[in-house]
Amino acid sequence: MVGDGLENVCTWKLKDPTNAERCPHTLEKRNYATKIKDSIVDCIGNTPMVRINNITAKDGIKCEVLAKCEFLNPGGAVKDRIGRRMILDAEK
């Protein structure tokens, strides 16, 4: 449906001085360097990026090309990130 986007769901505005300090969105800081995780949920979203310049060099392309390895997420897809958020919110 047209018009059912985030602007109609979230009423918080960055530029609004009356609520600039009260952001309702969850901002999370994670330590991706931790070798032993507390849960499989902690593995989601830390997918590596790999240079694939050997492919581009072969074709004469003069730029750096990166591939994001989403298949290394526990569920095998980029959709794991939204699943992680749903799990964390449900546990609160």
PDB file of N, CA and C in Angstrom:
ATOM      1  N   MET A   1       0.829  -1.181   0.000  1.00  0.00           N
ATOM      2  CA  MET A   1       0.000   0.000   0.000  1.00  0.00           C
ATOM      3  C   MET A   1       0.876   1.247   0.000  1.00  0.00           C
ATOM      4  N   VAL A   2       0.511   2.196  -0.767  1.00  0.00           N
ATOM      5  CA  VAL A   2       1.238   3.452  -0.815  1.00  0.00           C
ATOM      6  C   VAL A   2       0.948   4.246   0.447  1.00  0.00           C
ATOM      7  N   GLY A   3       1.982   4.822   1.038  1.00  0.00           N
ATOM      8  CA  GLY A   3       1.802   5.664   2.207  1.00  0.00           C
ATOM      9  C   GLY A   3       1.915   4.937   3.529  1.00  0.00           C
ATOM     10  N   ASP A   4       2.177   3.635   3.517  1.00  0.00           N
ATOM     11  CA  ASP A   4       2.319   2.888   4.767  1.00  0.00           C
ATOM     12  C   ASP A   4       3.777   2.696   5.132  1.00  0.00           C
ATOM     13  N   GLY A   5       4.620   3.595   4.710  1.00  0.00           N
ATOM     14  CA  GLY A   5       6.049   3.478   4.972  1.00  0.00           C
ATOM     15  C   GLY A   5       6.430   3.938   6.359  1.00  0.00           C
ATOM     16  N   LEU A   6       7.734   3.974   6.597  1.00  0.00           N
ATOM     17  CA  LEU A   6       8.275   4.332   7.896  1.00  0.00           C
ATOM     18  C   LEU A   6       7.812   5.711   8.361  1.00  0.00           C
ATOM     19  N   GLU A   7       7.615   6.630   7.431  1.00  0.00           N
ATOM     20  CA  GLU A   7       7.202   7.980   7.819  1.00  0.00           C
ATOM     21  C   GLU A   7       5.825   7.984   8.494  1.00  0.00           C
ATOM     22  N   ASN A   8       5.002   6.967   8.249  1.00  0.00           N
ATOM     23  CA  ASN A   8       3.691   6.876   8.881  1.00  0.00           C
ATOM     24  C   ASN A   8       3.709   6.032  10.155  1.00  0.00           C
ATOM     25  N   VAL A   9       4.764   5.287  10.359  1.00  0.00           N
ATOM     26  CA  VAL A   9       4.869   4.412  11.521  1.00  0.00           C
ATOM     27  C   VAL A   9       5.687   5.077  12.617  1.00  0.00           C
ATOM     28  N   CYS A  10       6.823   5.633  12.245  1.00  0.00           N
ATOM     29  CA  CYS A  10       7.724   6.247  13.211  1.00  0.00           C
ATOM     30  C   CYS A  10       7.483   7.753  13.247  1.00  0.00           C
ATOM     31  N   THR A  11       7.163   8.269  14.414  1.00  0.00           N
ATOM     32  CA  THR A  11       6.884   9.699  14.536  1.00  0.00           C
ATOM     33  C   THR A  11       8.108  10.503  14.970  1.00  0.00           C
ATOM     34  N   TRP A  12       9.214   9.818  15.296  1.00  0.00           N
ATOM     35  CA  TRP A  12      10.429  10.503  15.725  1.00  0.00           C
ATOM     36  C   TRP A  12      11.107  11.156  14.529  1.00  0.00           C
ATOM     37  N   LYS A  13      11.541  12.389  14.688  1.00  0.00           N
ATOM     38  CA  LYS A  13      12.222  13.132  13.626  1.00  0.00           C
ATOM     39  C   LYS A  13      13.562  13.618  14.137  1.00  0.00           C
ATOM     40  N   LEU A  14      14.604  13.425  13.366  1.00  0.00           N
ATOM     41  CA  LEU A  14      15.954  13.823  13.748  1.00  0.00           C
ATOM     42  C   LEU A  14      16.052  15.323  13.992  1.00  0.00           C
ATOM     43  N   LYS A  15      15.441  16.124  13.154  1.00  0.00           N
ATOM     44  CA  LYS A  15      15.572  17.584  13.223  1.00  0.00           C
ATOM     45  C   LYS A  15      14.635  18.237  14.243  1.00  0.00           C
ATOM     46  N   ASP A  16      13.740  17.473  14.850  1.00  0.00           N
ATOM     47  CA  ASP A  16      12.776  18.030  15.800  1.00  0.00           C
ATOM     48  C   ASP A  16      13.466  18.280  17.147  1.00  0.00           C
ATOM     49  N   PRO A  17      13.608  19.540  17.579  1.00  0.00           N
ATOM     50  CA  PRO A  17      14.317  19.826  18.829  1.00  0.00           C
ATOM     51  C   PRO A  17      13.597  19.326  20.079  1.00  0.00           C
ATOM     52  N   THR A  18      12.310  19.035  19.980  1.00  0.00           N
ATOM     53  CA  THR A  18      11.575  18.574  21.164  1.00  0.00           C
ATOM     54  C   THR A  18      11.857  17.115  21.503  1.00  0.00           C
ATOM     55  N   ASN A  19      12.346  16.339  20.533  1.00  0.00           N
ATOM     56  CA  ASN A  19      12.612  14.931  20.840  1.00  0.00           C
ATOM     57  C   ASN A  19      13.975  14.459  20.330  1.00  0.00           C
ATOM     58  N   ALA A  20      14.886  15.378  20.115  1.00  0.00           N
ATOM     59  CA  ALA A  20      16.200  15.015  19.586  1.00  0.00           C
ATOM     60  C   ALA A  20      16.977  14.094  20.523  1.00  0.00           C
ATOM     61  N   GLU A  21      16.742  14.205  21.821  1.00  0.00           N
ATOM     62  CA  GLU A  21      17.465  13.386  22.798  1.00  0.00           C
ATOM     63  C   GLU A  21      16.805  12.037  23.041  1.00  0.00           C
ATOM     64  N   ARG A  22      15.569  11.854  22.589  1.00  0.00           N
ATOM     65  CA  ARG A  22      14.816  10.645  22.915  1.00  0.00           C
ATOM     66  C   ARG A  22      14.600   9.758  21.698  1.00  0.00           C
ATOM     67  N   CYS A  23      15.633   9.331  21.055  1.00  0.00           N
ATOM     68  CA  CYS A  23      15.508   8.463  19.885  1.00  0.00           C
ATOM     69  C   CYS A  23      14.930   7.118  20.321  1.00  0.00           C
ATOM     70  N   PRO A  24      13.801   6.689  19.748  1.00  0.00           N
ATOM     71  CA  PRO A  24      13.179   5.435  20.156  1.00  0.00           C
ATOM     72  C   PRO A  24      13.819   4.207  19.523  1.00  0.00           C
ATOM     73  N   HIS A  25      14.705   4.415  18.585  1.00  0.00           N
ATOM     74  CA  HIS A  25      15.307   3.302  17.871  1.00  0.00           C
ATOM     75  C   HIS A  25      16.453   2.692  18.676  1.00  0.00           C
ATOM     76  N   THR A  26      16.561   1.394  18.615  1.00  0.00           N
ATOM     77  CA  THR A  26      17.612   0.680  19.329  1.00  0.00           C
ATOM     78  C   THR A  26      18.925   0.839  18.578  1.00  0.00           C
ATOM     79  N   LEU A  27      19.902   1.409  19.248  1.00  0.00           N
ATOM     80  CA  LEU A  27      21.234   1.549  18.672  1.00  0.00           C
ATOM     81  C   LEU A  27      22.147   0.602  19.427  1.00  0.00           C
ATOM     82  N   GLU A  28      22.730  -0.316  18.714  1.00  0.00           N
ATOM     83  CA  GLU A  28      23.493  -1.377  19.359  1.00  0.00           C
ATOM     84  C   GLU A  28      24.955  -1.303  18.951  1.00  0.00           C
ATOM     85  N   LYS A  29      25.840  -1.457  19.919  1.00  0.00           N
ATOM     86  CA  LYS A  29      27.269  -1.541  19.639  1.00  0.00           C
ATOM     87  C   LYS A  29      27.718  -2.946  19.980  1.00  0.00           C
ATOM     88  N   ARG A  30      28.341  -3.619  19.009  1.00  0.00           N
ATOM     89  CA  ARG A  30      28.792  -4.986  19.239  1.00  0.00           C
ATOM     90  C   ARG A  30      30.286  -5.076  19.002  1.00  0.00           C
ATOM     91  N   ASN A  31      30.922  -5.980  19.713  1.00  0.00           N
ATOM     92  CA  ASN A  31      32.337  -6.240  19.518  1.00  0.00           C
ATOM     93  C   ASN A  31      32.468  -7.442  18.594  1.00  0.00           C
ATOM     94  N   TYR A  32      32.743  -7.164  17.322  1.00  0.00           N
ATOM     95  CA  TYR A  32      32.834  -8.236  16.335  1.00  0.00           C
ATOM     96  C   TYR A  32      34.140  -9.023  16.457  1.00  0.00           C
ATOM     97  N   ALA A  33      35.093  -8.515  17.216  1.00  0.00           N
ATOM     98  CA  ALA A  33      36.383  -9.186  17.343  1.00  0.00           C
ATOM     99  C   ALA A  33      36.350 -10.362  18.319  1.00  0.00           C
ATOM    100  N   THR A  34      35.288 -10.482  19.099  1.00  0.00           N
ATOM    101  CA  THR A  34      35.185 -11.566  20.073  1.00  0.00           C
ATOM    102  C   THR A  34      35.180 -12.910  19.357  1.00  0.00           C
ATOM    103  N   LYS A  35      36.112 -13.772  19.705  1.00  0.00           N
ATOM    104  CA  LYS A  35      36.231 -15.079  19.036  1.00  0.00           C
ATOM    105  C   LYS A  35      35.166 -16.063  19.489  1.00  0.00           C
ATOM    106  N   ILE A  36      34.839 -16.073  20.781  1.00  0.00           N
ATOM    107  CA  ILE A  36      33.835 -16.999  21.298  1.00  0.00           C
ATOM    108  C   ILE A  36      32.560 -16.203  21.554  1.00  0.00           C
ATOM    109  N   LYS A  37      31.499 -16.573  20.886  1.00  0.00           N
ATOM    110  CA  LYS A  37      30.225 -15.865  20.983  1.00  0.00           C
ATOM    111  C   LYS A  37      29.376 -16.464  22.092  1.00  0.00           C
ATOM    112  N   ASP A  38      28.497 -15.660  22.666  1.00  0.00           N
ATOM    113  CA  ASP A  38      27.584 -16.132  23.704  1.00  0.00           C
ATOM    114  C   ASP A  38      26.422 -16.923  23.118  1.00  0.00           C
ATOM    115  N   SER A  39      26.096 -16.643  21.852  1.00  0.00           N
ATOM    116  CA  SER A  39      24.950 -17.278  21.213  1.00  0.00           C
ATOM    117  C   SER A  39      25.138 -17.206  19.705  1.00  0.00           C
ATOM    118  N   ILE A  40      24.425 -18.046  18.960  1.00  0.00           N
ATOM    119  CA  ILE A  40      24.499 -18.010  17.497  1.00  0.00           C
ATOM    120  C   ILE A  40      23.982 -16.674  16.971  1.00  0.00           C
ATOM    121  N   VAL A  41      23.116 -16.023  17.735  1.00  0.00           N
ATOM    122  CA  VAL A  41      22.580 -14.717  17.350  1.00  0.00           C
ATOM    123  C   VAL A  41      23.709 -13.697  17.219  1.00  0.00           C
ATOM    124  N   ASP A  42      24.759 -13.840  18.006  1.00  0.00           N
ATOM    125  CA  ASP A  42      25.890 -12.914  17.945  1.00  0.00           C
ATOM    126  C   ASP A  42      26.715 -13.066  16.667  1.00  0.00           C
ATOM    127  N   CYS A  43      26.505 -14.125  15.925  1.00  0.00           N
ATOM    128  CA  CYS A  43      27.242 -14.352  14.678  1.00  0.00           C
ATOM    129  C   CYS A  43      26.575 -13.675  13.488  1.00  0.00           C
ATOM    130  N   ILE A  44      25.330 -13.288  13.639  1.00  0.00           N
ATOM    131  CA  ILE A  44      24.577 -12.702  12.526  1.00  0.00           C
ATOM    132  C   ILE A  44      25.057 -11.287  12.247  1.00  0.00           C
ATOM    133  N   GLY A  45      25.237 -10.984  10.976  1.00  0.00           N
ATOM    134  CA  GLY A  45      25.569  -9.631  10.556  1.00  0.00           C
ATOM    135  C   GLY A  45      27.042  -9.313  10.489  1.00  0.00           C
ATOM    136  N   ASN A  46      27.880 -10.234  10.834  1.00  0.00           N
ATOM    137  CA  ASN A  46      29.322  -9.996  10.778  1.00  0.00           C
ATOM    138  C   ASN A  46      29.909 -10.715   9.570  1.00  0.00           C
ATOM    139  N   THR A  47      29.302 -10.499   8.427  1.00  0.00           N
ATOM    140  CA  THR A  47      29.736 -11.188   7.220  1.00  0.00           C
ATOM    141  C   THR A  47      30.916 -10.462   6.584  1.00  0.00           C
ATOM    142  N   PRO A  48      31.894 -11.206   6.114  1.00  0.00           N
ATOM    143  CA  PRO A  48      33.085 -10.574   5.548  1.00  0.00           C
ATOM    144  C   PRO A  48      32.852 -10.025   4.143  1.00  0.00           C
ATOM    145  N   MET A  49      33.684  -9.054   3.798  1.00  0.00           N
ATOM    146  CA  MET A  49      33.740  -8.557   2.426  1.00  0.00           C
ATOM    147  C   MET A  49      35.068  -9.033   1.847  1.00  0.00           C
ATOM    148  N   VAL A  50      35.022  -9.484   0.607  1.00  0.00           N
ATOM    149  CA  VAL A  50      36.200 -10.061  -0.031  1.00  0.00           C
ATOM    150  C   VAL A  50      36.478  -9.327  -1.332  1.00  0.00           C
ATOM    151  N   ARG A  51      37.739  -8.980  -1.546  1.00  0.00           N
ATOM    152  CA  ARG A  51      38.127  -8.353  -2.814  1.00  0.00           C
ATOM    153  C   ARG A  51      38.090  -9.411  -3.917  1.00  0.00           C
ATOM    154  N   ILE A  52      37.507  -9.048  -5.036  1.00  0.00           N
ATOM    155  CA  ILE A  52      37.501  -9.967  -6.177  1.00  0.00           C
ATOM    156  C   ILE A  52      38.212  -9.319  -7.367  1.00  0.00           C
ATOM    157  N   ASN A  53      39.316  -8.657  -7.055  1.00  0.00           N
ATOM    158  CA  ASN A  53      40.060  -7.937  -8.082  1.00  0.00           C
ATOM    159  C   ASN A  53      40.687  -8.851  -9.122  1.00  0.00           C
ATOM    160  N   ASN A  54      40.921 -10.121  -8.794  1.00  0.00           N
ATOM    161  CA  ASN A  54      41.477 -11.011  -9.810  1.00  0.00           C
ATOM    162  C   ASN A  54      40.494 -11.183 -10.972  1.00  0.00           C
ATOM    163  N   ILE A  55      39.217 -11.135 -10.698  1.00  0.00           N
ATOM    164  CA  ILE A  55      38.209 -11.229 -11.758  1.00  0.00           C
ATOM    165  C   ILE A  55      38.194  -9.943 -12.576  1.00  0.00           C
ATOM    166  N   THR A  56      38.234  -8.796 -11.898  1.00  0.00           N
ATOM    167  CA  THR A  56      38.178  -7.523 -12.617  1.00  0.00           C
ATOM    168  C   THR A  56      39.461  -7.261 -13.394  1.00  0.00           C
ATOM    169  N   ALA A  57      40.605  -7.666 -12.853  1.00  0.00           N
ATOM    170  CA  ALA A  57      41.881  -7.461 -13.552  1.00  0.00           C
ATOM    171  C   ALA A  57      41.900  -8.250 -14.856  1.00  0.00           C
ATOM    172  N   LYS A  58      41.335  -9.433 -14.823  1.00  0.00           N
ATOM    173  CA  LYS A  58      41.289 -10.280 -16.017  1.00  0.00           C
ATOM    174  C   LYS A  58      40.495  -9.606 -17.138  1.00  0.00           C
ATOM    175  N   ASP A  59      39.448  -8.844 -16.756  1.00  0.00           N
ATOM    176  CA  ASP A  59      38.607  -8.167 -17.742  1.00  0.00           C
ATOM    177  C   ASP A  59      39.028  -6.727 -17.992  1.00  0.00           C
ATOM    178  N   GLY A  60      40.135  -6.302 -17.372  1.00  0.00           N
ATOM    179  CA  GLY A  60      40.649  -4.953 -17.594  1.00  0.00           C
ATOM    180  C   GLY A  60      39.879  -3.864 -16.870  1.00  0.00           C
ATOM    181  N   ILE A  61      39.112  -4.201 -15.856  1.00  0.00           N
ATOM    182  CA  ILE A  61      38.350  -3.215 -15.089  1.00  0.00           C
ATOM    183  C   ILE A  61      39.279  -2.622 -14.036  1.00  0.00           C
ATOM    184  N   LYS A  62      39.373  -1.300 -13.991  1.00  0.00           N
ATOM    185  CA  LYS A  62      40.327  -0.638 -13.113  1.00  0.00           C
ATOM    186  C   LYS A  62      39.655  -0.043 -11.886  1.00  0.00           C
ATOM    187  N   CYS A  63      39.015  -0.866 -11.132  1.00  0.00           N
ATOM    188  CA  CYS A  63      38.430  -0.420  -9.868  1.00  0.00           C
ATOM    189  C   CYS A  63      38.457  -1.591  -8.891  1.00  0.00           C
ATOM    190  N   GLU A  64      38.292  -1.265  -7.626  1.00  0.00           N
ATOM    191  CA  GLU A  64      38.250  -2.311  -6.615  1.00  0.00           C
ATOM    192  C   GLU A  64      36.809  -2.803  -6.483  1.00  0.00           C
ATOM    193  N   VAL A  65      36.624  -4.105  -6.595  1.00  0.00           N
ATOM    194  CA  VAL A  65      35.291  -4.697  -6.475  1.00  0.00           C
ATOM    195  C   VAL A  65      35.285  -5.606  -5.256  1.00  0.00           C
ATOM    196  N   LEU A  66      34.261  -5.437  -4.428  1.00  0.00           N
ATOM    197  CA  LEU A  66      34.116  -6.230  -3.207  1.00  0.00           C
ATOM    198  C   LEU A  66      32.849  -7.057  -3.283  1.00  0.00           C
ATOM    199  N   ALA A  67      32.903  -8.248  -2.707  1.00  0.00           N
ATOM    200  CA  ALA A  67      31.722  -9.106  -2.608  1.00  0.00           C
ATOM    201  C   ALA A  67      31.416  -9.322  -1.130  1.00  0.00           C
ATOM    202  N   LYS A  68      30.163  -9.174  -0.755  1.00  0.00           N
ATOM    203  CA  LYS A  68      29.733  -9.396   0.620  1.00  0.00           C
ATOM    204  C   LYS A  68      29.260 -10.837   0.724  1.00  0.00           C
ATOM    205  N   CYS A  69      29.850 -11.586   1.630  1.00  0.00           N
ATOM    206  CA  CYS A  69      29.601 -13.029   1.745  1.00  0.00           C
ATOM    207  C   CYS A  69      28.451 -13.312   2.708  1.00  0.00           C
ATOM    208  N   GLU A  70      27.243 -12.957   2.319  1.00  0.00           N
ATOM    209  CA  GLU A  70      26.070 -13.150   3.173  1.00  0.00           C
ATOM    210  C   GLU A  70      25.791 -14.620   3.453  1.00  0.00           C
ATOM    211  N   PHE A  71      26.250 -15.505   2.595  1.00  0.00           N
ATOM    212  CA  PHE A  71      26.020 -16.931   2.812  1.00  0.00           C
ATOM    213  C   PHE A  71      26.712 -17.443   4.074  1.00  0.00           C
ATOM    214  N   LEU A  72      27.599 -16.644   4.663  1.00  0.00           N
ATOM    215  CA  LEU A  72      28.270 -17.035   5.897  1.00  0.00           C
ATOM    216  C   LEU A  72      27.462 -16.672   7.153  1.00  0.00           C
ATOM    217  N   ASN A  73      26.312 -16.013   6.983  1.00  0.00           N
ATOM    218  CA  ASN A  73      25.407 -15.795   8.113  1.00  0.00           C
ATOM    219  C   ASN A  73      24.872 -17.154   8.556  1.00  0.00           C
ATOM    220  N   PRO A  74      24.533 -17.328   9.836  1.00  0.00           N
ATOM    221  CA  PRO A  74      24.048 -18.630  10.310  1.00  0.00           C
ATOM    222  C   PRO A  74      22.857 -19.175   9.524  1.00  0.00           C
ATOM    223  N   GLY A  75      21.969 -18.298   9.080  1.00  0.00           N
ATOM    224  CA  GLY A  75      20.810 -18.745   8.302  1.00  0.00           C
ATOM    225  C   GLY A  75      21.058 -18.725   6.809  1.00  0.00           C
ATOM    226  N   GLY A  76      22.205 -18.212   6.403  1.00  0.00           N
ATOM    227  CA  GLY A  76      22.584 -18.227   4.991  1.00  0.00           C
ATOM    228  C   GLY A  76      22.054 -17.093   4.148  1.00  0.00           C
ATOM    229  N   ALA A  77      21.543 -16.018   4.771  1.00  0.00           N
ATOM    230  CA  ALA A  77      20.962 -14.947   3.961  1.00  0.00           C
ATOM    231  C   ALA A  77      21.078 -13.602   4.662  1.00  0.00           C
ATOM    232  N   VAL A  78      20.934 -12.542   3.871  1.00  0.00           N
ATOM    233  CA  VAL A  78      20.952 -11.182   4.407  1.00  0.00           C
ATOM    234  C   VAL A  78      19.745 -10.957   5.315  1.00  0.00           C
ATOM    235  N   LYS A  79      18.688 -11.733   5.129  1.00  0.00           N
ATOM    236  CA  LYS A  79      17.479 -11.603   5.952  1.00  0.00           C
ATOM    237  C   LYS A  79      17.730 -12.003   7.401  1.00  0.00           C
ATOM    238  N   ASP A  80      18.865 -12.591   7.687  1.00  0.00           N
ATOM    239  CA  ASP A  80      19.203 -12.957   9.063  1.00  0.00           C
ATOM    240  C   ASP A  80      19.258 -11.735   9.967  1.00  0.00           C
ATOM    241  N   ARG A  81      19.632 -10.582   9.418  1.00  0.00           N
ATOM    242  CA  ARG A  81      19.748  -9.380  10.241  1.00  0.00           C
ATOM    243  C   ARG A  81      18.395  -8.968  10.826  1.00  0.00           C
ATOM    244  N   ILE A  82      17.335  -9.005  10.019  1.00  0.00           N
ATOM    245  CA  ILE A  82      16.016  -8.649  10.546  1.00  0.00           C
ATOM    246  C   ILE A  82      15.538  -9.721  11.518  1.00  0.00           C
ATOM    247  N   GLY A  83      15.883 -10.965  11.256  1.00  0.00           N
ATOM    248  CA  GLY A  83      15.551 -12.048  12.187  1.00  0.00           C
ATOM    249  C   GLY A  83      16.227 -11.845  13.531  1.00  0.00           C
ATOM    250  N   ARG A  84      17.470 -11.400  13.502  1.00  0.00           N
ATOM    251  CA  ARG A  84      18.209 -11.126  14.735  1.00  0.00           C
ATOM    252  C   ARG A  84      17.515 -10.039  15.533  1.00  0.00           C
ATOM    253  N   ARG A  85      17.120  -8.976  14.860  1.00  0.00           N
ATOM    254  CA  ARG A  85      16.441  -7.868  15.540  1.00  0.00           C
ATOM    255  C   ARG A  85      15.137  -8.354  16.165  1.00  0.00           C
ATOM    256  N   MET A  86      14.408  -9.197  15.461  1.00  0.00           N
ATOM    257  CA  MET A  86      13.145  -9.719  15.978  1.00  0.00           C
ATOM    258  C   MET A  86      13.387 -10.576  17.222  1.00  0.00           C
ATOM    259  N   ILE A  87      14.429 -11.380  17.202  1.00  0.00           N
ATOM    260  CA  ILE A  87      14.768 -12.224  18.368  1.00  0.00           C
ATOM    261  C   ILE A  87      15.130 -11.363  19.564  1.00  0.00           C
ATOM    262  N   LEU A  88      15.998 -10.377  19.351  1.00  0.00           N
ATOM    263  CA  LEU A  88      16.422  -9.518  20.459  1.00  0.00           C
ATOM    264  C   LEU A  88      15.264  -8.710  21.031  1.00  0.00           C
ATOM    265  N   ASP A  89      14.390  -8.202  20.164  1.00  0.00           N
ATOM    266  CA  ASP A  89      13.247  -7.445  20.653  1.00  0.00           C
ATOM    267  C   ASP A  89      12.269  -8.338  21.411  1.00  0.00           C
ATOM    268  N   ALA A  90      12.102  -9.582  20.963  1.00  0.00           N
ATOM    269  CA  ALA A  90      11.190 -10.513  21.631  1.00  0.00           C
ATOM    270  C   ALA A  90      11.725 -10.909  23.018  1.00  0.00           C
ATOM    271  N   GLU A  91      13.057 -10.964  23.149  1.00  0.00           N
ATOM    272  CA  GLU A  91      13.640 -11.344  24.425  1.00  0.00           C
ATOM    273  C   GLU A  91      13.565 -10.248  25.477  1.00  0.00           C
ATOM    274  N   LYS A  92      13.284  -9.008  25.056  1.00  0.00           N
ATOM    275  CA  LYS A  92      13.217  -7.888  26.016  1.00  0.00           C
ATOM    276  C   LYS A  92      12.011  -7.969  26.856  1.00  0.00           C
TER     277      LYS A  92
END
